Amino acid sequence: MRIRSKLVAAGAVVLAVLGGGAAAVAGAADDDGTDQPITGDALERASQAALEHTGEGEVTETEVGDEEGYYEVEVTLDDGSQVDVHLDEDFNVTGAEGEGAGESDDE
């Protein structure tokens, strides 16, 4: 019975590892609200850079590890439109997209 117990335990471990890996891949592939927000000093610096870029508005959402830059800061402008400002690791604007982005791409 010891061998059978060991096999059952080993099988459970394999399933847990495979299941966890699949969940991690699914979470990384899906935009299901699991984005990591910017925090701490980085949040302050990223927000400042984004607001300087847009010239107005309010930061309404942030993300670390965005596919278009190291940081993404969503700014809602005074007219209600939204702009996603993309920043590199040094908080330099690499581009922007959205209703109020204007000619901000590839600056």
PDB file of N, CA and C in Angstrom:
ATOM      1  N   MET A   1       0.813  -1.192   0.000  1.00  0.00           N
ATOM      2  CA  MET A   1       0.000   0.000   0.000  1.00  0.00           C
ATOM      3  C   MET A   1       0.855   1.253   0.000  1.00  0.00           C
ATOM      4  N   ARG A   2       2.048   1.153   0.475  1.00  0.00           N
ATOM      5  CA  ARG A   2       2.910   2.329   0.495  1.00  0.00           C
ATOM      6  C   ARG A   2       3.202   2.813  -0.918  1.00  0.00           C
ATOM      7  N   ILE A   3       3.438   1.883  -1.811  1.00  0.00           N
ATOM      8  CA  ILE A   3       3.743   2.263  -3.190  1.00  0.00           C
ATOM      9  C   ILE A   3       2.536   2.953  -3.818  1.00  0.00           C
ATOM     10  N   ARG A   4       1.363   2.411  -3.568  1.00  0.00           N
ATOM     11  CA  ARG A   4       0.147   2.999  -4.122  1.00  0.00           C
ATOM     12  C   ARG A   4      -0.063   4.405  -3.567  1.00  0.00           C
ATOM     13  N   SER A   5       0.150   4.605  -2.284  1.00  0.00           N
ATOM     14  CA  SER A   5      -0.004   5.928  -1.672  1.00  0.00           C
ATOM     15  C   SER A   5       0.985   6.919  -2.276  1.00  0.00           C
ATOM     16  N   LYS A   6       2.214   6.442  -2.495  1.00  0.00           N
ATOM     17  CA  LYS A   6       3.228   7.316  -3.089  1.00  0.00           C
ATOM     18  C   LYS A   6       2.846   7.692  -4.521  1.00  0.00           C
ATOM     19  N   LEU A   7       2.317   6.750  -5.266  1.00  0.00           N
ATOM     20  CA  LEU A   7       1.910   7.030  -6.639  1.00  0.00           C
ATOM     21  C   LEU A   7       0.748   8.027  -6.681  1.00  0.00           C
ATOM     22  N   VAL A   8      -0.201   7.850  -5.782  1.00  0.00           N
ATOM     23  CA  VAL A   8      -1.337   8.779  -5.721  1.00  0.00           C
ATOM     24  C   VAL A   8      -0.846  10.174  -5.344  1.00  0.00           C
ATOM     25  N   ALA A   9       0.042  10.267  -4.369  1.00  0.00           N
ATOM     26  CA  ALA A   9       0.578  11.561  -3.954  1.00  0.00           C
ATOM     27  C   ALA A   9       1.376  12.206  -5.091  1.00  0.00           C
ATOM     28  N   ALA A  10       2.188  11.419  -5.773  1.00  0.00           N
ATOM     29  CA  ALA A  10       2.981  11.945  -6.889  1.00  0.00           C
ATOM     30  C   ALA A  10       2.067  12.435  -8.007  1.00  0.00           C
ATOM     31  N   GLY A  11       1.023  11.698  -8.274  1.00  0.00           N
ATOM     32  CA  GLY A  11       0.060  12.102  -9.300  1.00  0.00           C
ATOM     33  C   GLY A  11      -0.629  13.406  -8.939  1.00  0.00           C
ATOM     34  N   ALA A  12      -0.967  13.558  -7.673  1.00  0.00           N
ATOM     35  CA  ALA A  12      -1.607  14.801  -7.212  1.00  0.00           C
ATOM     36  C   ALA A  12      -0.666  15.991  -7.377  1.00  0.00           C
ATOM     37  N   VAL A  13       0.601  15.782  -7.072  1.00  0.00           N
ATOM     38  CA  VAL A  13       1.590  16.861  -7.225  1.00  0.00           C
ATOM     39  C   VAL A  13       1.721  17.247  -8.693  1.00  0.00           C
ATOM     40  N   VAL A  14       1.811  16.260  -9.575  1.00  0.00           N
ATOM     41  CA  VAL A  14       1.934  16.530 -11.011  1.00  0.00           C
ATOM     42  C   VAL A  14       0.724  17.312 -11.509  1.00  0.00           C
ATOM     43  N   LEU A  15      -0.463  16.913 -11.109  1.00  0.00           N
ATOM     44  CA  LEU A  15      -1.676  17.620 -11.527  1.00  0.00           C
ATOM     45  C   LEU A  15      -1.705  19.047 -10.998  1.00  0.00           C
ATOM     46  N   ALA A  16      -1.285  19.232  -9.767  1.00  0.00           N
ATOM     47  CA  ALA A  16      -1.268  20.577  -9.183  1.00  0.00           C
ATOM     48  C   ALA A  16      -0.291  21.475  -9.927  1.00  0.00           C
ATOM     49  N   VAL A  17       0.877  20.950 -10.259  1.00  0.00           N
ATOM     50  CA  VAL A  17       1.878  21.740 -10.982  1.00  0.00           C
ATOM     51  C   VAL A  17       1.373  22.075 -12.378  1.00  0.00           C
ATOM     52  N   LEU A  18       0.856  21.089 -13.076  1.00  0.00           N
ATOM     53  CA  LEU A  18       0.347  21.330 -14.426  1.00  0.00           C
ATOM     54  C   LEU A  18      -0.840  22.273 -14.412  1.00  0.00           C
ATOM     55  N   GLY A  19      -1.731  22.103 -13.474  1.00  0.00           N
ATOM     56  CA  GLY A  19      -2.901  22.985 -13.358  1.00  0.00           C
ATOM     57  C   GLY A  19      -2.491  24.403 -13.031  1.00  0.00           C
ATOM     58  N   GLY A  20      -1.545  24.577 -12.125  1.00  0.00           N
ATOM     59  CA  GLY A  20      -1.057  25.906 -11.770  1.00  0.00           C
ATOM     60  C   GLY A  20      -0.355  26.573 -12.924  1.00  0.00           C
ATOM     61  N   GLY A  21       0.419  25.823 -13.674  1.00  0.00           N
ATOM     62  CA  GLY A  21       1.100  26.374 -14.841  1.00  0.00           C
ATOM     63  C   GLY A  21       0.114  26.811 -15.904  1.00  0.00           C
ATOM     64  N   ALA A  22      -0.925  26.033 -16.110  1.00  0.00           N
ATOM     65  CA  ALA A  22      -1.940  26.400 -17.090  1.00  0.00           C
ATOM     66  C   ALA A  22      -2.676  27.656 -16.657  1.00  0.00           C
ATOM     67  N   ALA A  23      -2.946  27.774 -15.371  1.00  0.00           N
ATOM     68  CA  ALA A  23      -3.623  28.971 -14.866  1.00  0.00           C
ATOM     69  C   ALA A  23      -2.736  30.192 -15.029  1.00  0.00           C
ATOM     70  N   ALA A  24      -1.447  30.048 -14.804  1.00  0.00           N
ATOM     71  CA  ALA A  24      -0.527  31.177 -14.953  1.00  0.00           C
ATOM     72  C   ALA A  24      -0.456  31.619 -16.407  1.00  0.00           C
ATOM     73  N   VAL A  25      -0.405  30.671 -17.329  1.00  0.00           N
ATOM     74  CA  VAL A  25      -0.374  31.008 -18.743  1.00  0.00           C
ATOM     75  C   VAL A  25      -1.683  31.655 -19.158  1.00  0.00           C
ATOM     76  N   ALA A  26      -2.800  31.124 -18.714  1.00  0.00           N
ATOM     77  CA  ALA A  26      -4.095  31.706 -19.048  1.00  0.00           C
ATOM     78  C   ALA A  26      -4.208  33.114 -18.489  1.00  0.00           C
ATOM     79  N   GLY A  27      -3.743  33.319 -17.283  1.00  0.00           N
ATOM     80  CA  GLY A  27      -3.808  34.639 -16.673  1.00  0.00           C
ATOM     81  C   GLY A  27      -2.947  35.636 -17.402  1.00  0.00           C
ATOM     82  N   ALA A  28      -1.801  35.208 -17.893  1.00  0.00           N
ATOM     83  CA  ALA A  28      -0.917  36.113 -18.613  1.00  0.00           C
ATOM     84  C   ALA A  28      -1.472  36.414 -19.998  1.00  0.00           C
ATOM     85  N   ALA A  29      -2.183  35.479 -20.588  1.00  0.00           N
ATOM     86  CA  ALA A  29      -2.669  35.651 -21.945  1.00  0.00           C
ATOM     87  C   ALA A  29      -3.977  36.425 -22.006  1.00  0.00           C
ATOM     88  N   ASP A  30      -4.785  36.355 -20.966  1.00  0.00           N
ATOM     89  CA  ASP A  30      -6.090  36.986 -20.981  1.00  0.00           C
ATOM     90  C   ASP A  30      -6.044  38.351 -20.324  1.00  0.00           C
ATOM     91  N   ASP A  31      -6.854  39.271 -20.836  1.00  0.00           N
ATOM     92  CA  ASP A  31      -6.994  40.562 -20.187  1.00  0.00           C
ATOM     93  C   ASP A  31      -8.225  40.469 -19.289  1.00  0.00           C
ATOM     94  N   ASP A  32      -8.062  39.782 -18.178  1.00  0.00           N
ATOM     95  CA  ASP A  32      -9.198  39.499 -17.299  1.00  0.00           C
ATOM     96  C   ASP A  32      -9.153  40.306 -16.006  1.00  0.00           C
ATOM     97  N   GLY A  33      -8.534  41.469 -16.040  1.00  0.00           N
ATOM     98  CA  GLY A  33      -8.497  42.304 -14.857  1.00  0.00           C
ATOM     99  C   GLY A  33      -7.395  41.951 -13.892  1.00  0.00           C
ATOM    100  N   THR A  34      -6.440  41.128 -14.301  1.00  0.00           N
ATOM    101  CA  THR A  34      -5.361  40.742 -13.395  1.00  0.00           C
ATOM    102  C   THR A  34      -4.111  41.593 -13.603  1.00  0.00           C
ATOM    103  N   ASP A  35      -4.273  42.754 -14.247  1.00  0.00           N
ATOM    104  CA  ASP A  35      -3.139  43.635 -14.469  1.00  0.00           C
ATOM    105  C   ASP A  35      -2.576  44.106 -13.139  1.00  0.00           C
ATOM    106  N   GLN A  36      -1.267  44.274 -13.101  1.00  0.00           N
ATOM    107  CA  GLN A  36      -0.609  44.741 -11.882  1.00  0.00           C
ATOM    108  C   GLN A  36      -0.542  46.263 -11.928  1.00  0.00           C
ATOM    109  N   PRO A  37      -1.158  46.944 -10.971  1.00  0.00           N
ATOM    110  CA  PRO A  37      -1.110  48.408 -10.969  1.00  0.00           C
ATOM    111  C   PRO A  37       0.261  48.918 -10.541  1.00  0.00           C
ATOM    112  N   ILE A  38       0.569  50.131 -10.954  1.00  0.00           N
ATOM    113  CA  ILE A  38       1.799  50.791 -10.527  1.00  0.00           C
ATOM    114  C   ILE A  38       1.589  51.241  -9.082  1.00  0.00           C
ATOM    115  N   THR A  39       2.618  51.107  -8.249  1.00  0.00           N
ATOM    116  CA  THR A  39       2.492  51.491  -6.845  1.00  0.00           C
ATOM    117  C   THR A  39       3.681  52.343  -6.403  1.00  0.00           C
ATOM    118  N   GLY A  40       3.552  52.930  -5.226  1.00  0.00           N
ATOM    119  CA  GLY A  40       4.646  53.643  -4.579  1.00  0.00           C
ATOM    120  C   GLY A  40       5.144  54.845  -5.363  1.00  0.00           C
ATOM    121  N   ASP A  41       6.454  55.083  -5.269  1.00  0.00           N
ATOM    122  CA  ASP A  41       7.092  56.209  -5.937  1.00  0.00           C
ATOM    123  C   ASP A  41       6.915  56.126  -7.450  1.00  0.00           C
ATOM    124  N   ALA A  42       6.917  54.921  -7.984  1.00  0.00           N
ATOM    125  CA  ALA A  42       6.741  54.740  -9.426  1.00  0.00           C
ATOM    126  C   ALA A  42       5.374  55.258  -9.876  1.00  0.00           C
ATOM    127  N   LEU A  43       4.347  55.064  -9.061  1.00  0.00           N
ATOM    128  CA  LEU A  43       3.012  55.558  -9.396  1.00  0.00           C
ATOM    129  C   LEU A  43       3.028  57.079  -9.496  1.00  0.00           C
ATOM    130  N   GLU A  44       3.664  57.726  -8.545  1.00  0.00           N
ATOM    131  CA  GLU A  44       3.742  59.181  -8.545  1.00  0.00           C
ATOM    132  C   GLU A  44       4.493  59.691  -9.780  1.00  0.00           C
ATOM    133  N   ARG A  45       5.622  59.071 -10.084  1.00  0.00           N
ATOM    134  CA  ARG A  45       6.433  59.502 -11.231  1.00  0.00           C
ATOM    135  C   ARG A  45       5.733  59.226 -12.561  1.00  0.00           C
ATOM    136  N   ALA A  46       5.105  58.062 -12.679  1.00  0.00           N
ATOM    137  CA  ALA A  46       4.400  57.722 -13.918  1.00  0.00           C
ATOM    138  C   ALA A  46       3.196  58.633 -14.128  1.00  0.00           C
ATOM    139  N   SER A  47       2.473  58.913 -13.060  1.00  0.00           N
ATOM    140  CA  SER A  47       1.317  59.805 -13.157  1.00  0.00           C
ATOM    141  C   SER A  47       1.741  61.200 -13.582  1.00  0.00           C
ATOM    142  N   GLN A  48       2.802  61.701 -12.979  1.00  0.00           N
ATOM    143  CA  GLN A  48       3.307  63.027 -13.320  1.00  0.00           C
ATOM    144  C   GLN A  48       3.716  63.096 -14.794  1.00  0.00           C
ATOM    145  N   ALA A  49       4.431  62.089 -15.262  1.00  0.00           N
ATOM    146  CA  ALA A  49       4.870  62.066 -16.665  1.00  0.00           C
ATOM    147  C   ALA A  49       3.677  62.026 -17.616  1.00  0.00           C
ATOM    148  N   ALA A  50       2.677  61.214 -17.282  1.00  0.00           N
ATOM    149  CA  ALA A  50       1.497  61.091 -18.147  1.00  0.00           C
ATOM    150  C   ALA A  50       0.701  62.386 -18.178  1.00  0.00           C
ATOM    151  N   LEU A  51       0.520  63.005 -17.023  1.00  0.00           N
ATOM    152  CA  LEU A  51      -0.247  64.254 -16.970  1.00  0.00           C
ATOM    153  C   LEU A  51       0.504  65.403 -17.650  1.00  0.00           C
ATOM    154  N   GLU A  52       1.821  65.416 -17.554  1.00  0.00           N
ATOM    155  CA  GLU A  52       2.596  66.417 -18.284  1.00  0.00           C
ATOM    156  C   GLU A  52       2.421  66.222 -19.783  1.00  0.00           C
ATOM    157  N   HIS A  53       2.357  64.965 -20.195  1.00  0.00           N
ATOM    158  CA  HIS A  53       2.205  64.650 -21.615  1.00  0.00           C
ATOM    159  C   HIS A  53       0.832  65.083 -22.132  1.00  0.00           C
ATOM    160  N   THR A  54      -0.218  64.798 -21.370  1.00  0.00           N
ATOM    161  CA  THR A  54      -1.572  65.125 -21.832  1.00  0.00           C
ATOM    162  C   THR A  54      -1.919  66.589 -21.581  1.00  0.00           C
ATOM    163  N   GLY A  55      -1.288  67.199 -20.587  1.00  0.00           N
ATOM    164  CA  GLY A  55      -1.554  68.593 -20.276  1.00  0.00           C
ATOM    165  C   GLY A  55      -2.789  68.822 -19.425  1.00  0.00           C
ATOM    166  N   GLU A  56      -3.523  67.787 -19.121  1.00  0.00           N
ATOM    167  CA  GLU A  56      -4.739  67.893 -18.319  1.00  0.00           C
ATOM    168  C   GLU A  56      -5.196  66.505 -17.933  1.00  0.00           C
ATOM    169  N   GLY A  57      -6.250  66.446 -17.137  1.00  0.00           N
ATOM    170  CA  GLY A  57      -6.917  65.184 -16.849  1.00  0.00           C
ATOM    171  C   GLY A  57      -6.599  64.609 -15.489  1.00  0.00           C
ATOM    172  N   GLU A  58      -7.071  63.384 -15.325  1.00  0.00           N
ATOM    173  CA  GLU A  58      -6.936  62.651 -14.066  1.00  0.00           C
ATOM    174  C   GLU A  58      -6.523  61.219 -14.373  1.00  0.00           C
ATOM    175  N   VAL A  59      -5.563  60.720 -13.626  1.00  0.00           N
ATOM    176  CA  VAL A  59      -5.133  59.336 -13.786  1.00  0.00           C
ATOM    177  C   VAL A  59      -6.238  58.428 -13.252  1.00  0.00           C
ATOM    178  N   THR A  60      -6.718  57.527 -14.105  1.00  0.00           N
ATOM    179  CA  THR A  60      -7.823  56.659 -13.705  1.00  0.00           C
ATOM    180  C   THR A  60      -7.446  55.185 -13.630  1.00  0.00           C
ATOM    181  N   GLU A  61      -6.297  54.818 -14.206  1.00  0.00           N
ATOM    182  CA  GLU A  61      -5.867  53.413 -14.143  1.00  0.00           C
ATOM    183  C   GLU A  61      -4.392  53.352 -14.510  1.00  0.00           C
ATOM    184  N   THR A  62      -3.685  52.373 -13.939  1.00  0.00           N
ATOM    185  CA  THR A  62      -2.269  52.192 -14.263  1.00  0.00           C
ATOM    186  C   THR A  62      -1.962  50.709 -14.402  1.00  0.00           C
ATOM    187  N   GLU A  63      -0.847  50.430 -15.082  1.00  0.00           N
ATOM    188  CA  GLU A  63      -0.443  49.035 -15.272  1.00  0.00           C
ATOM    189  C   GLU A  63       1.070  48.954 -15.437  1.00  0.00           C
ATOM    190  N   VAL A  64       1.671  47.978 -14.777  1.00  0.00           N
ATOM    191  CA  VAL A  64       3.089  47.667 -14.962  1.00  0.00           C
ATOM    192  C   VAL A  64       3.176  46.515 -15.950  1.00  0.00           C
ATOM    193  N   GLY A  65       4.158  46.567 -16.842  1.00  0.00           N
ATOM    194  CA  GLY A  65       4.358  45.461 -17.774  1.00  0.00           C
ATOM    195  C   GLY A  65       3.398  45.477 -18.929  1.00  0.00           C
ATOM    196  N   ASP A  66       3.001  46.645 -19.349  1.00  0.00           N
ATOM    197  CA  ASP A  66       2.118  46.775 -20.499  1.00  0.00           C
ATOM    198  C   ASP A  66       2.834  46.292 -21.759  1.00  0.00           C
ATOM    199  N   GLU A  67       2.093  45.764 -22.721  1.00  0.00           N
ATOM    200  CA  GLU A  67       2.710  45.239 -23.937  1.00  0.00           C
ATOM    201  C   GLU A  67       3.322  46.341 -24.811  1.00  0.00           C
ATOM    202  N   GLU A  68       2.924  47.589 -24.641  1.00  0.00           N
ATOM    203  CA  GLU A  68       3.457  48.678 -25.452  1.00  0.00           C
ATOM    204  C   GLU A  68       4.492  49.523 -24.725  1.00  0.00           C
ATOM    205  N   GLY A  69       4.761  49.215 -23.482  1.00  0.00           N
ATOM    206  CA  GLY A  69       5.739  49.964 -22.712  1.00  0.00           C
ATOM    207  C   GLY A  69       5.911  49.334 -21.351  1.00  0.00           C
ATOM    208  N   TYR A  70       6.843  49.852 -20.597  1.00  0.00           N
ATOM    209  CA  TYR A  70       7.044  49.297 -19.259  1.00  0.00           C
ATOM    210  C   TYR A  70       5.878  49.664 -18.343  1.00  0.00           C
ATOM    211  N   TYR A  71       5.386  50.891 -18.507  1.00  0.00           N
ATOM    212  CA  TYR A  71       4.226  51.348 -17.734  1.00  0.00           C
ATOM    213  C   TYR A  71       3.154  51.844 -18.689  1.00  0.00           C
ATOM    214  N   GLU A  72       1.895  51.723 -18.268  1.00  0.00           N
ATOM    215  CA  GLU A  72       0.784  52.343 -18.979  1.00  0.00           C
ATOM    216  C   GLU A  72      -0.027  53.115 -17.959  1.00  0.00           C
ATOM    217  N   VAL A  73      -0.330  54.366 -18.301  1.00  0.00           N
ATOM    218  CA  VAL A  73      -1.139  55.213 -17.431  1.00  0.00           C
ATOM    219  C   VAL A  73      -2.345  55.674 -18.238  1.00  0.00           C
ATOM    220  N   GLU A  74      -3.533  55.349 -17.759  1.00  0.00           N
ATOM    221  CA  GLU A  74      -4.760  55.798 -18.411  1.00  0.00           C
ATOM    222  C   GLU A  74      -5.149  57.137 -17.797  1.00  0.00           C
ATOM    223  N   VAL A  75      -5.329  58.129 -18.649  1.00  0.00           N
ATOM    224  CA  VAL A  75      -5.719  59.462 -18.203  1.00  0.00           C
ATOM    225  C   VAL A  75      -7.079  59.778 -18.798  1.00  0.00           C
ATOM    226  N   THR A  76      -8.027  60.186 -17.941  1.00  0.00           N
ATOM    227  CA  THR A  76      -9.312  60.663 -18.414  1.00  0.00           C
ATOM    228  C   THR A  76      -9.218  62.180 -18.494  1.00  0.00           C
ATOM    229  N   LEU A  77      -9.402  62.692 -19.705  1.00  0.00           N
ATOM    230  CA  LEU A  77      -9.290  64.124 -19.948  1.00  0.00           C
ATOM    231  C   LEU A  77     -10.538  64.855 -19.467  1.00  0.00           C
ATOM    232  N   ASP A  78     -10.436  66.172 -19.404  1.00  0.00           N
ATOM    233  CA  ASP A  78     -11.540  66.985 -18.900  1.00  0.00           C
ATOM    234  C   ASP A  78     -12.814  66.823 -19.719  1.00  0.00           C
ATOM    235  N   ASP A  79     -12.682  66.485 -21.009  1.00  0.00           N
ATOM    236  CA  ASP A  79     -13.865  66.300 -21.856  1.00  0.00           C
ATOM    237  C   ASP A  79     -14.434  64.882 -21.782  1.00  0.00           C
ATOM    238  N   GLY A  80     -13.828  64.028 -20.935  1.00  0.00           N
ATOM    239  CA  GLY A  80     -14.315  62.655 -20.755  1.00  0.00           C
ATOM    240  C   GLY A  80     -13.615  61.632 -21.619  1.00  0.00           C
ATOM    241  N   SER A  81     -12.832  62.069 -22.597  1.00  0.00           N
ATOM    242  CA  SER A  81     -12.104  61.110 -23.427  1.00  0.00           C
ATOM    243  C   SER A  81     -10.945  60.531 -22.632  1.00  0.00           C
ATOM    244  N   GLN A  82     -10.426  59.407 -23.102  1.00  0.00           N
ATOM    245  CA  GLN A  82      -9.346  58.721 -22.393  1.00  0.00           C
ATOM    246  C   GLN A  82      -8.135  58.547 -23.289  1.00  0.00           C
ATOM    247  N   VAL A  83      -6.963  58.660 -22.668  1.00  0.00           N
ATOM    248  CA  VAL A  83      -5.698  58.470 -23.367  1.00  0.00           C
ATOM    249  C   VAL A  83      -4.868  57.486 -22.557  1.00  0.00           C
ATOM    250  N   ASP A  84      -4.322  56.476 -23.214  1.00  0.00           N
ATOM    251  CA  ASP A  84      -3.373  55.563 -22.587  1.00  0.00           C
ATOM    252  C   ASP A  84      -1.975  56.052 -22.929  1.00  0.00           C
ATOM    253  N   VAL A  85      -1.235  56.472 -21.912  1.00  0.00           N
ATOM    254  CA  VAL A  85       0.126  56.962 -22.112  1.00  0.00           C
ATOM    255  C   VAL A  85       1.085  55.839 -21.757  1.00  0.00           C
ATOM    256  N   HIS A  86       1.981  55.512 -22.682  1.00  0.00           N
ATOM    257  CA  HIS A  86       2.942  54.432 -22.487  1.00  0.00           C
ATOM    258  C   HIS A  86       4.303  55.028 -22.130  1.00  0.00           C
ATOM    259  N   LEU A  87       4.927  54.455 -21.113  1.00  0.00           N
ATOM    260  CA  LEU A  87       6.194  54.957 -20.602  1.00  0.00           C
ATOM    261  C   LEU A  87       7.232  53.843 -20.567  1.00  0.00           C
ATOM    262  N   ASP A  88       8.505  54.228 -20.697  1.00  0.00           N
ATOM    263  CA  ASP A  88       9.567  53.249 -20.517  1.00  0.00           C
ATOM    264  C   ASP A  88       9.941  53.165 -19.034  1.00  0.00           C
ATOM    265  N   GLU A  89      10.965  52.385 -18.704  1.00  0.00           N
ATOM    266  CA  GLU A  89      11.353  52.184 -17.305  1.00  0.00           C
ATOM    267  C   GLU A  89      11.835  53.461 -16.623  1.00  0.00           C
ATOM    268  N   ASP A  90      12.259  54.443 -17.429  1.00  0.00           N
ATOM    269  CA  ASP A  90      12.747  55.711 -16.884  1.00  0.00           C
ATOM    270  C   ASP A  90      11.673  56.792 -16.904  1.00  0.00           C
ATOM    271  N   PHE A  91      10.418  56.405 -17.134  1.00  0.00           N
ATOM    272  CA  PHE A  91       9.258  57.297 -17.128  1.00  0.00           C
ATOM    273  C   PHE A  91       9.264  58.277 -18.297  1.00  0.00           C
ATOM    274  N   ASN A  92       9.900  57.904 -19.404  1.00  0.00           N
ATOM    275  CA  ASN A  92       9.856  58.689 -20.631  1.00  0.00           C
ATOM    276  C   ASN A  92       8.669  58.215 -21.454  1.00  0.00           C
ATOM    277  N   VAL A  93       7.914  59.135 -22.030  1.00  0.00           N
ATOM    278  CA  VAL A  93       6.770  58.772 -22.857  1.00  0.00           C
ATOM    279  C   VAL A  93       7.266  58.141 -24.146  1.00  0.00           C
ATOM    280  N   THR A  94       6.742  56.955 -24.443  1.00  0.00           N
ATOM    281  CA  THR A  94       7.100  56.265 -25.681  1.00  0.00           C
ATOM    282  C   THR A  94       5.972  56.317 -26.693  1.00  0.00           C
ATOM    283  N   GLY A  95       4.780  56.701 -26.257  1.00  0.00           N
ATOM    284  CA  GLY A  95       3.639  56.807 -27.155  1.00  0.00           C
ATOM    285  C   GLY A  95       2.363  56.955 -26.363  1.00  0.00           C
ATOM    286  N   ALA A  96       1.300  57.212 -27.079  1.00  0.00           N
ATOM    287  CA  ALA A  96      -0.017  57.336 -26.449  1.00  0.00           C
ATOM    288  C   ALA A  96      -1.067  56.963 -27.474  1.00  0.00           C
ATOM    289  N   GLU A  97      -2.191  56.500 -26.985  1.00  0.00           N
ATOM    290  CA  GLU A  97      -3.291  56.154 -27.879  1.00  0.00           C
ATOM    291  C   GLU A  97      -4.601  56.407 -27.165  1.00  0.00           C
ATOM    292  N   GLY A  98      -5.598  56.712 -27.949  1.00  0.00           N
ATOM    293  CA  GLY A  98      -6.912  56.957 -27.386  1.00  0.00           C
ATOM    294  C   GLY A  98      -7.556  58.161 -28.024  1.00  0.00           C
ATOM    295  N   GLU A  99      -8.724  58.510 -27.524  1.00  0.00           N
ATOM    296  CA  GLU A  99      -9.524  59.572 -28.114  1.00  0.00           C
ATOM    297  C   GLU A  99      -8.823  60.929 -28.106  1.00  0.00           C
ATOM    298  N   GLY A 100      -8.080  61.232 -27.062  1.00  0.00           N
ATOM    299  CA  GLY A 100      -7.443  62.536 -26.950  1.00  0.00           C
ATOM    300  C   GLY A 100      -5.948  62.497 -27.155  1.00  0.00           C
ATOM    301  N   ALA A 101      -5.424  61.465 -27.788  1.00  0.00           N
ATOM    302  CA  ALA A 101      -3.976  61.314 -27.906  1.00  0.00           C
ATOM    303  C   ALA A 101      -3.356  62.287 -28.890  1.00  0.00           C
ATOM    304  N   GLY A 102      -4.126  62.766 -29.846  1.00  0.00           N
ATOM    305  CA  GLY A 102      -3.591  63.708 -30.820  1.00  0.00           C
ATOM    306  C   GLY A 102      -2.431  63.117 -31.579  1.00  0.00           C
ATOM    307  N   GLU A 103      -1.347  63.870 -31.690  1.00  0.00           N
ATOM    308  CA  GLU A 103      -0.170  63.404 -32.429  1.00  0.00           C
ATOM    309  C   GLU A 103       0.890  62.904 -31.486  1.00  0.00           C
ATOM    310  N   SER A 104       0.496  62.253 -30.385  1.00  0.00           N
ATOM    311  CA  SER A 104       1.442  61.875 -29.359  1.00  0.00           C
ATOM    312  C   SER A 104       2.156  60.550 -29.624  1.00  0.00           C
ATOM    313  N   ASP A 105       1.754  59.809 -30.611  1.00  0.00           N
ATOM    314  CA  ASP A 105       2.422  58.539 -30.898  1.00  0.00           C
ATOM    315  C   ASP A 105       3.813  58.781 -31.444  1.00  0.00           C
ATOM    316  N   ASP A 106       4.751  57.934 -31.014  1.00  0.00           N
ATOM    317  CA  ASP A 106       6.122  57.945 -31.497  1.00  0.00           C
ATOM    318  C   ASP A 106       6.849  59.273 -31.295  1.00  0.00           C
ATOM    319  N   GLU A 107       6.593  59.929 -30.185  1.00  0.00           N
ATOM    320  CA  GLU A 107       7.330  61.166 -29.895  1.00  0.00           C
ATOM    321  C   GLU A 107       8.663  60.831 -29.323  1.00  0.00           C
TER     322      GLU A 107
END
